C-alpha atoms as a PDB file:
ATOM      1  CA  UNK A   1      10.361   1.063  11.167  1.00  0.00           C
ATOM      2  CA  UNK A   2      11.424  -1.796  13.397  1.00  0.00           C
ATOM      3  CA  UNK A   3       8.217  -3.772  14.016  1.00  0.00           C
ATOM      4  CA  UNK A   4       9.361  -5.136  17.401  1.00  0.00           C
ATOM      5  CA  UNK A   5      10.395  -3.757  20.795  1.00  0.00           C
ATOM      6  CA  UNK A   6       8.455  -0.503  20.587  1.00  0.00           C
ATOM      7  CA  UNK A   7       6.030   1.226  22.905  1.00  0.00           C
ATOM      8  CA  UNK A   8       3.092   2.246  20.730  1.00  0.00           C
ATOM      9  CA  UNK A   9      -0.059   4.332  21.140  1.00  0.00           C
ATOM     10  CA  UNK A  10      -2.877   3.337  18.787  1.00  0.00           C
ATOM     11  CA  UNK A  11      -5.888   5.646  18.762  1.00  0.00           C
ATOM     12  CA  UNK A  12      -9.103   3.749  18.149  1.00  0.00           C
ATOM     13  CA  UNK A  13      -7.223   0.551  18.922  1.00  0.00           C
ATOM     14  CA  UNK A  14     -10.193  -1.410  20.278  1.00  0.00           C
ATOM     15  CA  UNK A  15     -11.980  -2.115  17.004  1.00  0.00           C
ATOM     16  CA  UNK A  16     -11.564  -2.491  13.258  1.00  0.00           C
ATOM     17  CA  UNK A  17      -8.174  -1.753  11.760  1.00  0.00           C
ATOM     18  CA  UNK A  18      -6.916  -0.432  15.097  1.00  0.00           C
ATOM     19  CA  UNK A  19      -7.675  -3.727  16.799  1.00  0.00           C
ATOM     20  CA  UNK A  20      -6.014  -5.669  14.007  1.00  0.00           C
ATOM     21  CA  UNK A  21      -2.879  -3.568  14.407  1.00  0.00           C
ATOM     22  CA  UNK A  22      -3.026  -3.932  18.193  1.00  0.00           C
ATOM     23  CA  UNK A  23      -3.163  -7.715  17.993  1.00  0.00           C
ATOM     24  CA  UNK A  24      -0.309  -7.946  15.515  1.00  0.00           C
ATOM     25  CA  UNK A  25       1.975  -5.495  17.309  1.00  0.00           C
ATOM     26  CA  UNK A  26       1.477  -7.499  20.513  1.00  0.00           C
ATOM     27  CA  UNK A  27       2.454 -10.655  18.613  1.00  0.00           C
ATOM     28  CA  UNK A  28       5.569  -8.848  17.391  1.00  0.00           C
ATOM     29  CA  UNK A  29       6.755  -8.192  20.966  1.00  0.00           C
ATOM     30  CA  UNK A  30       5.683  -4.572  21.409  1.00  0.00           C
ATOM     31  CA  UNK A  31       4.055  -2.752  24.315  1.00  0.00           C
ATOM     32  CA  UNK A  32       0.754  -1.355  23.038  1.00  0.00           C
ATOM     33  CA  UNK A  33      -1.406   1.367  24.544  1.00  0.00           C
ATOM     34  CA  UNK A  34      -4.859   1.866  23.056  1.00  0.00           C
ATOM     35  CA  UNK A  35      -7.293   4.685  23.636  1.00  0.00           C
ATOM     36  CA  UNK A  36     -10.923   5.136  22.731  1.00  0.00           C
ATOM     37  CA  UNK A  37     -14.188   6.664  23.809  1.00  0.00           C
ATOM     38  CA  UNK A  38     -15.949   3.432  24.854  1.00  0.00           C
ATOM     39  CA  UNK A  39     -14.556   1.962  28.062  1.00  0.00           C
ATOM     40  CA  UNK A  40     -16.445  -1.324  27.596  1.00  0.00           C
ATOM     41  CA  UNK A  41     -14.643  -2.002  24.318  1.00  0.00           C
ATOM     42  CA  UNK A  42     -11.285  -1.144  25.875  1.00  0.00           C
ATOM     43  CA  UNK A  43     -11.997  -3.575  28.727  1.00  0.00           C
ATOM     44  CA  UNK A  44     -12.898  -6.341  26.284  1.00  0.00           C
ATOM     45  CA  UNK A  45      -9.565  -5.970  24.529  1.00  0.00           C
ATOM     46  CA  UNK A  46      -7.629  -5.803  27.799  1.00  0.00           C
ATOM     47  CA  UNK A  47      -9.391  -8.934  29.074  1.00  0.00           C
ATOM     48  CA  UNK A  48      -8.387 -10.827  25.929  1.00  0.00           C
ATOM     49  CA  UNK A  49      -4.928  -9.271  25.567  1.00  0.00           C
ATOM     50  CA  UNK A  50      -3.632  -8.663  29.109  1.00  0.00           C
ATOM     51  CA  UNK A  51      -0.460  -6.982  27.850  1.00  0.00           C
ATOM     52  CA  UNK A  52      -2.452  -4.128  26.329  1.00  0.00           C
ATOM     53  CA  UNK A  53      -2.632  -0.868  28.310  1.00  0.00           C
ATOM     54  CA  UNK A  54      -5.882   1.085  27.936  1.00  0.00           C
ATOM     55  CA  UNK A  55      -6.811   4.731  28.372  1.00  0.00           C
ATOM     56  CA  UNK A  56     -10.331   6.144  27.888  1.00  0.00           C
ATOM     57  CA  UNK A  57     -10.270   9.283  25.753  1.00  0.00           C
ATOM     58  CA  UNK A  58     -12.810  11.114  23.617  1.00  0.00           C
ATOM     59  CA  UNK A  59     -10.604  12.407  20.828  1.00  0.00           C
ATOM     60  CA  UNK A  60     -13.244  14.878  19.699  1.00  0.00           C
ATOM     61  CA  UNK A  61     -12.512  16.928  22.838  1.00  0.00           C
ATOM     62  CA  UNK A  62      -9.331  19.010  22.798  1.00  0.00           C
ATOM     63  CA  UNK A  63      -8.870  18.896  26.584  1.00  0.00           C
ATOM     64  CA  UNK A  64      -9.013  15.104  26.519  1.00  0.00           C
ATOM     65  CA  UNK A  65      -6.378  14.977  23.788  1.00  0.00           C
ATOM     66  CA  UNK A  66      -4.175  17.226  25.897  1.00  0.00           C
ATOM     67  CA  UNK A  67      -4.783  15.025  28.950  1.00  0.00           C
ATOM     68  CA  UNK A  68      -3.899  11.905  26.948  1.00  0.00           C
ATOM     69  CA  UNK A  69      -0.598  13.404  25.922  1.00  0.00           C
ATOM     70  CA  UNK A  70       0.209  14.520  29.461  1.00  0.00           C
ATOM     71  CA  UNK A  71      -0.581  11.061  30.827  1.00  0.00           C
ATOM     72  CA  UNK A  72       1.733   9.486  28.255  1.00  0.00           C
ATOM     73  CA  UNK A  73       4.468  12.019  29.007  1.00  0.00           C
ATOM     74  CA  UNK A  74       4.190  11.323  32.743  1.00  0.00           C
ATOM     75  CA  UNK A  75       3.544   7.566  32.783  1.00  0.00           C
ATOM     76  CA  UNK A  76       5.059   6.333  29.501  1.00  0.00           C
ATOM     77  CA  UNK A  77       7.805   8.786  28.532  1.00  0.00           C
ATOM     78  CA  UNK A  78       9.537   6.042  26.507  1.00  0.00           C
ATOM     79  CA  UNK A  79       6.681   5.832  24.003  1.00  0.00           C
ATOM     80  CA  UNK A  80       8.255   5.965  20.553  1.00  0.00           C
ATOM     81  CA  UNK A  81       5.412   5.264  18.072  1.00  0.00           C
ATOM     82  CA  UNK A  82       2.161   7.186  17.548  1.00  0.00           C
ATOM     83  CA  UNK A  83      -0.487   5.620  15.307  1.00  0.00           C
ATOM     84  CA  UNK A  84      -3.227   8.076  14.332  1.00  0.00           C
ATOM     85  CA  UNK A  85      -5.867   5.498  13.453  1.00  0.00           C
ATOM     86  CA  UNK A  86      -9.145   6.679  15.021  1.00  0.00           C
ATOM     87  CA  UNK A  87     -11.692   8.012  12.567  1.00  0.00           C
ATOM     88  CA  UNK A  88     -15.371   8.155  11.745  1.00  0.00           C
ATOM     89  CA  UNK A  89     -17.298   7.704   8.520  1.00  0.00           C
ATOM     90  CA  UNK A  90     -20.801   9.066   7.984  1.00  0.00           C
ATOM     91  CA  UNK A  91     -23.077   8.424   5.042  1.00  0.00           C
ATOM     92  CA  UNK A  92     -24.680  11.802   4.418  1.00  0.00           C
ATOM     93  CA  UNK A  93     -25.780  14.234   1.733  1.00  0.00           C
ATOM     94  CA  UNK A  94     -25.320  17.970   1.366  1.00  0.00           C
ATOM     95  CA  UNK A  95     -29.147  18.210   1.284  1.00  0.00           C
ATOM     96  CA  UNK A  96     -29.543  16.705   4.771  1.00  0.00           C
ATOM     97  CA  UNK A  97     -30.869  19.210   7.282  1.00  0.00           C
ATOM     98  CA  UNK A  98     -28.162  18.276   9.790  1.00  0.00           C
ATOM     99  CA  UNK A  99     -25.379  18.006   7.218  1.00  0.00           C
ATOM    100  CA  UNK A 100     -23.187  20.777   8.561  1.00  0.00           C
ATOM    101  CA  UNK A 101     -23.356  19.722  12.209  1.00  0.00           C
ATOM    102  CA  UNK A 102     -22.511  16.136  11.356  1.00  0.00           C
ATOM    103  CA  UNK A 103     -19.770  17.248   8.993  1.00  0.00           C
ATOM    104  CA  UNK A 104     -18.157  19.339  11.725  1.00  0.00           C
ATOM    105  CA  UNK A 105     -17.995  16.297  14.003  1.00  0.00           C
ATOM    106  CA  UNK A 106     -16.392  14.205  11.283  1.00  0.00           C
ATOM    107  CA  UNK A 107     -13.846  16.909  10.533  1.00  0.00           C
ATOM    108  CA  UNK A 108     -12.999  17.193  14.227  1.00  0.00           C
ATOM    109  CA  UNK A 109     -12.367  13.467  14.637  1.00  0.00           C
ATOM    110  CA  UNK A 110     -10.646  12.838  11.295  1.00  0.00           C
ATOM    111  CA  UNK A 111      -8.575  16.010  10.943  1.00  0.00           C
ATOM    112  CA  UNK A 112      -8.429  18.159  14.061  1.00  0.00           C
ATOM    113  CA  UNK A 113      -7.729  15.296  16.475  1.00  0.00           C
ATOM    114  CA  UNK A 114      -4.772  13.678  14.648  1.00  0.00           C
ATOM    115  CA  UNK A 115      -3.222  17.055  13.847  1.00  0.00           C
ATOM    116  CA  UNK A 116      -3.464  18.074  17.494  1.00  0.00           C
ATOM    117  CA  UNK A 117      -2.036  14.762  18.698  1.00  0.00           C
ATOM    118  CA  UNK A 118       0.812  15.001  16.218  1.00  0.00           C
ATOM    119  CA  UNK A 119       1.670  18.519  17.359  1.00  0.00           C
ATOM    120  CA  UNK A 120       1.696  17.308  20.962  1.00  0.00           C
ATOM    121  CA  UNK A 121       3.538  14.013  20.573  1.00  0.00           C
ATOM    122  CA  UNK A 122       6.466  15.321  18.539  1.00  0.00           C
ATOM    123  CA  UNK A 123       7.500  16.930  21.833  1.00  0.00           C
ATOM    124  CA  UNK A 124       8.230  13.482  23.295  1.00  0.00           C
ATOM    125  CA  UNK A 125      12.016  13.071  23.098  1.00  0.00           C
ATOM    126  CA  UNK A 126      11.566   9.322  22.579  1.00  0.00           C
ATOM    127  CA  UNK A 127       9.265   9.580  19.538  1.00  0.00           C
ATOM    128  CA  UNK A 128      10.748   7.981  16.419  1.00  0.00           C
ATOM    129  CA  UNK A 129       7.756   7.062  14.250  1.00  0.00           C
ATOM    130  CA  UNK A 130       4.276   8.323  13.326  1.00  0.00           C
ATOM    131  CA  UNK A 131       1.835   6.169  11.357  1.00  0.00           C
ATOM    132  CA  UNK A 132      -1.164   7.970   9.873  1.00  0.00           C
ATOM    133  CA  UNK A 133      -4.095   5.885   8.653  1.00  0.00           C
ATOM    134  CA  UNK A 134      -5.689   7.466   5.592  1.00  0.00           C
ATOM    135  CA  UNK A 135      -7.789   5.657   2.957  1.00  0.00           C
ATOM    136  CA  UNK A 136      -7.972   4.640  -0.665  1.00  0.00           C
ATOM    137  CA  UNK A 137     -10.742   7.242  -0.824  1.00  0.00           C
ATOM    138  CA  UNK A 138      -8.052   9.898  -0.450  1.00  0.00           C
ATOM    139  CA  UNK A 139      -7.350   9.314  -4.158  1.00  0.00           C
ATOM    140  CA  UNK A 140     -10.918   9.038  -5.461  1.00  0.00           C
ATOM    141  CA  UNK A 141     -13.963   9.970  -3.353  1.00  0.00           C
ATOM    142  CA  UNK A 142     -17.088   7.937  -2.702  1.00  0.00           C
ATOM    143  CA  UNK A 143     -19.823  10.547  -2.827  1.00  0.00           C
ATOM    144  CA  UNK A 144     -21.985   8.657  -0.326  1.00  0.00           C
ATOM    145  CA  UNK A 145     -19.332   9.596   2.242  1.00  0.00           C
ATOM    146  CA  UNK A 146     -18.251  12.993   0.898  1.00  0.00           C
ATOM    147  CA  UNK A 147     -16.838  14.463   4.101  1.00  0.00           C
ATOM    148  CA  UNK A 148     -15.002  11.279   5.064  1.00  0.00           C
ATOM    149  CA  UNK A 149     -13.411  11.100   1.618  1.00  0.00           C
ATOM    150  CA  UNK A 150     -12.367  14.751   1.807  1.00  0.00           C
ATOM    151  CA  UNK A 151     -10.898  14.379   5.296  1.00  0.00           C
ATOM    152  CA  UNK A 152      -8.771  11.457   4.136  1.00  0.00           C
ATOM    153  CA  UNK A 153      -7.520  13.444   1.133  1.00  0.00           C
ATOM    154  CA  UNK A 154      -6.598  16.241   3.553  1.00  0.00           C
ATOM    155  CA  UNK A 155      -4.877  13.797   5.903  1.00  0.00           C
ATOM    156  CA  UNK A 156      -2.881  12.232   3.078  1.00  0.00           C
ATOM    157  CA  UNK A 157      -1.688  15.664   1.946  1.00  0.00           C
ATOM    158  CA  UNK A 158      -0.766  16.588   5.515  1.00  0.00           C
ATOM    159  CA  UNK A 159       1.113  13.298   5.930  1.00  0.00           C
ATOM    160  CA  UNK A 160       3.213  13.978   2.835  1.00  0.00           C
ATOM    161  CA  UNK A 161       4.167  17.387   4.229  1.00  0.00           C
ATOM    162  CA  UNK A 162       4.748  15.988   7.707  1.00  0.00           C
ATOM    163  CA  UNK A 163       7.184  13.399   6.386  1.00  0.00           C
ATOM    164  CA  UNK A 164       9.279  16.209   4.921  1.00  0.00           C
ATOM    165  CA  UNK A 165       8.929  18.536   7.907  1.00  0.00           C
ATOM    166  CA  UNK A 166      10.079  15.947  10.449  1.00  0.00           C
ATOM    167  CA  UNK A 167      13.258  14.918   8.629  1.00  0.00           C
ATOM    168  CA  UNK A 168      15.348  17.270  10.836  1.00  0.00           C
ATOM    169  CA  UNK A 169      13.952  15.543  13.933  1.00  0.00           C
ATOM    170  CA  UNK A 170      14.645  12.034  12.584  1.00  0.00           C
ATOM    171  CA  UNK A 171      10.980  11.078  13.033  1.00  0.00           C
ATOM    172  CA  UNK A 172       9.799   8.647  10.378  1.00  0.00           C
ATOM    173  CA  UNK A 173       6.309   9.250   8.983  1.00  0.00           C
ATOM    174  CA  UNK A 174       4.447   6.297   7.470  1.00  0.00           C
ATOM    175  CA  UNK A 175       1.099   6.408   5.686  1.00  0.00           C
ATOM    176  CA  UNK A 176      -1.189   3.398   6.079  1.00  0.00           C
ATOM    177  CA  UNK A 177      -3.709   3.429   3.197  1.00  0.00           C
ATOM    178  CA  UNK A 178      -6.472   0.849   3.653  1.00  0.00           C
ATOM    179  CA  UNK A 179      -9.203  -0.001   1.190  1.00  0.00           C
ATOM    180  CA  UNK A 180     -12.714  -0.768   2.425  1.00  0.00           C
ATOM    181  CA  UNK A 181     -12.393  -3.641   4.896  1.00  0.00           C
ATOM    182  CA  UNK A 182     -14.881  -5.792   6.783  1.00  0.00           C
ATOM    183  CA  UNK A 183     -15.298  -3.498   9.792  1.00  0.00           C
ATOM    184  CA  UNK A 184     -18.152  -1.520  11.336  1.00  0.00           C
ATOM    185  CA  UNK A 185     -16.822   1.790   9.993  1.00  0.00           C
ATOM    186  CA  UNK A 186     -19.827   3.839   8.923  1.00  0.00           C
ATOM    187  CA  UNK A 187     -22.279   1.375  10.474  1.00  0.00           C
ATOM    188  CA  UNK A 188     -22.779  -2.340  11.030  1.00  0.00           C
ATOM    189  CA  UNK A 189     -23.144  -4.404   7.888  1.00  0.00           C
ATOM    190  CA  UNK A 190     -22.089  -1.724   5.403  1.00  0.00           C
ATOM    191  CA  UNK A 191     -18.747  -3.372   4.701  1.00  0.00           C
ATOM    192  CA  UNK A 192     -19.618  -7.055   5.164  1.00  0.00           C
ATOM    193  CA  UNK A 193     -18.664  -7.655   1.525  1.00  0.00           C
ATOM    194  CA  UNK A 194     -15.175  -6.211   1.968  1.00  0.00           C
ATOM    195  CA  UNK A 195     -11.930  -8.150   2.579  1.00  0.00           C
ATOM    196  CA  UNK A 196     -11.055  -9.107   6.163  1.00  0.00           C
ATOM    197  CA  UNK A 197      -8.788  -6.935   8.288  1.00  0.00           C
ATOM    198  CA  UNK A 198      -6.374  -9.839   8.807  1.00  0.00           C
ATOM    199  CA  UNK A 199      -5.169  -9.876   5.202  1.00  0.00           C
ATOM    200  CA  UNK A 200      -4.644  -6.132   5.246  1.00  0.00           C
ATOM    201  CA  UNK A 201      -2.640  -6.315   8.477  1.00  0.00           C
ATOM    202  CA  UNK A 202      -0.456  -9.072   7.027  1.00  0.00           C
ATOM    203  CA  UNK A 203       0.262  -6.853   4.009  1.00  0.00           C
ATOM    204  CA  UNK A 204       0.999  -3.838   6.214  1.00  0.00           C
ATOM    205  CA  UNK A 205       3.562  -5.722   8.268  1.00  0.00           C
ATOM    206  CA  UNK A 206       5.225  -7.206   5.196  1.00  0.00           C
ATOM    207  CA  UNK A 207       5.636  -3.692   3.781  1.00  0.00           C
ATOM    208  CA  UNK A 208       6.863  -2.296   7.093  1.00  0.00           C
ATOM    209  CA  UNK A 209       9.553  -4.964   7.159  1.00  0.00           C
ATOM    210  CA  UNK A 210      10.549  -3.895   3.636  1.00  0.00           C
ATOM    211  CA  UNK A 211      11.011  -0.326   4.865  1.00  0.00           C
ATOM    212  CA  UNK A 212       8.155   1.175   2.853  1.00  0.00           C
ATOM    213  CA  UNK A 213       6.523   4.410   3.997  1.00  0.00           C
ATOM    214  CA  UNK A 214       3.284   4.165   1.978  1.00  0.00           C
ATOM    215  CA  UNK A 215       1.461   0.950   2.819  1.00  0.00           C
ATOM    216  CA  UNK A 216      -1.289  -0.093   0.409  1.00  0.00           C
ATOM    217  CA  UNK A 217      -3.530  -3.098  -0.206  1.00  0.00           C
ATOM    218  CA  UNK A 218      -5.993  -4.101  -2.892  1.00  0.00           C
ATOM    219  CA  UNK A 219      -8.052  -1.116  -4.016  1.00  0.00           C
ATOM    220  CA  UNK A 220      -5.735   1.391  -2.351  1.00  0.00           C
ATOM    221  CA  UNK A 221      -2.707  -0.119  -4.094  1.00  0.00           C
ATOM    222  CA  UNK A 222      -4.435   0.346  -7.428  1.00  0.00           C
ATOM    223  CA  UNK A 223      -5.463   3.911  -6.657  1.00  0.00           C
ATOM    224  CA  UNK A 224      -1.963   4.865  -5.487  1.00  0.00           C
ATOM    225  CA  UNK A 225      -0.589   3.763  -8.869  1.00  0.00           C
ATOM    226  CA  UNK A 226      -3.480   5.095 -10.970  1.00  0.00           C
ATOM    227  CA  UNK A 227      -3.223   7.594 -13.799  1.00  0.00           C
ATOM    228  CA  UNK A 228      -5.646  10.546 -13.973  1.00  0.00           C
ATOM    229  CA  UNK A 229      -7.736   8.581 -16.502  1.00  0.00           C
ATOM    230  CA  UNK A 230      -7.780   5.580 -14.161  1.00  0.00           C
ATOM    231  CA  UNK A 231      -8.983   7.786 -11.303  1.00  0.00           C
ATOM    232  CA  UNK A 232     -11.726   9.307 -13.442  1.00  0.00           C
ATOM    233  CA  UNK A 233     -12.886   5.859 -14.486  1.00  0.00           C
ATOM    234  CA  UNK A 234     -12.869   4.666 -10.867  1.00  0.00           C
ATOM    235  CA  UNK A 235     -14.907   7.689  -9.824  1.00  0.00           C
ATOM    236  CA  UNK A 236     -17.540   6.921 -12.462  1.00  0.00           C
ATOM    237  CA  UNK A 237     -17.736   3.258 -11.404  1.00  0.00           C
ATOM    238  CA  UNK A 238     -18.031   4.117  -7.721  1.00  0.00           C
ATOM    239  CA  UNK A 239     -20.528   6.940  -8.144  1.00  0.00           C
ATOM    240  CA  UNK A 240     -23.079   6.062 -10.857  1.00  0.00           C
ATOM    241  CA  UNK A 241     -25.596   8.758 -11.695  1.00  0.00           C
ATOM    242  CA  UNK A 242     -29.232   8.001 -10.874  1.00  0.00           C
END
């Protein structure tokens, strides 16, 4: 992927990893469109980064995903990069009374939405690149976030297939595999101990410039290279009994 002179849509681009990517792609001379559910957060980013284009969109709603695509097709038909970044992480247990309802919401945001957007955006003649943001937890789950971990394993598997399926269309598919980072994913304060987003973004862009299609960092780099025994050991460390 050429990291400059693109027109890019970043879902969930107003916070966390999405915001870090937004800032860096702007620095690299790209036009960036971000979408998200909270208009106040989109405005804050636009006020600070005037070159960013914003579009409110609740990605959990199929009609809004369809409307987002149609708006892009009508107003920004030269868009060539889709970054499926938006996601949600919930700490929950199978014994929770509302487990299934909450799980359905997480599955909708983390799986249904990016699959739908991908199916829509490959119809843009200008599209050359899709970046899917998965997780190091795609390799080994954290049982405190069982549905999130499973959705990221699903999304990684789908991304591997998508890369193969889109070869005839000359659309490059890149997987961005973050570890836990210091963001508000899952709730404020839960990841304060984790590395900053800035270091991860630096690593992502270095790997993009090298032409890599699986972008890792820290924990996710280790998990991507792990043997089955390594993964079993990591699971035991991450999920102690009792």
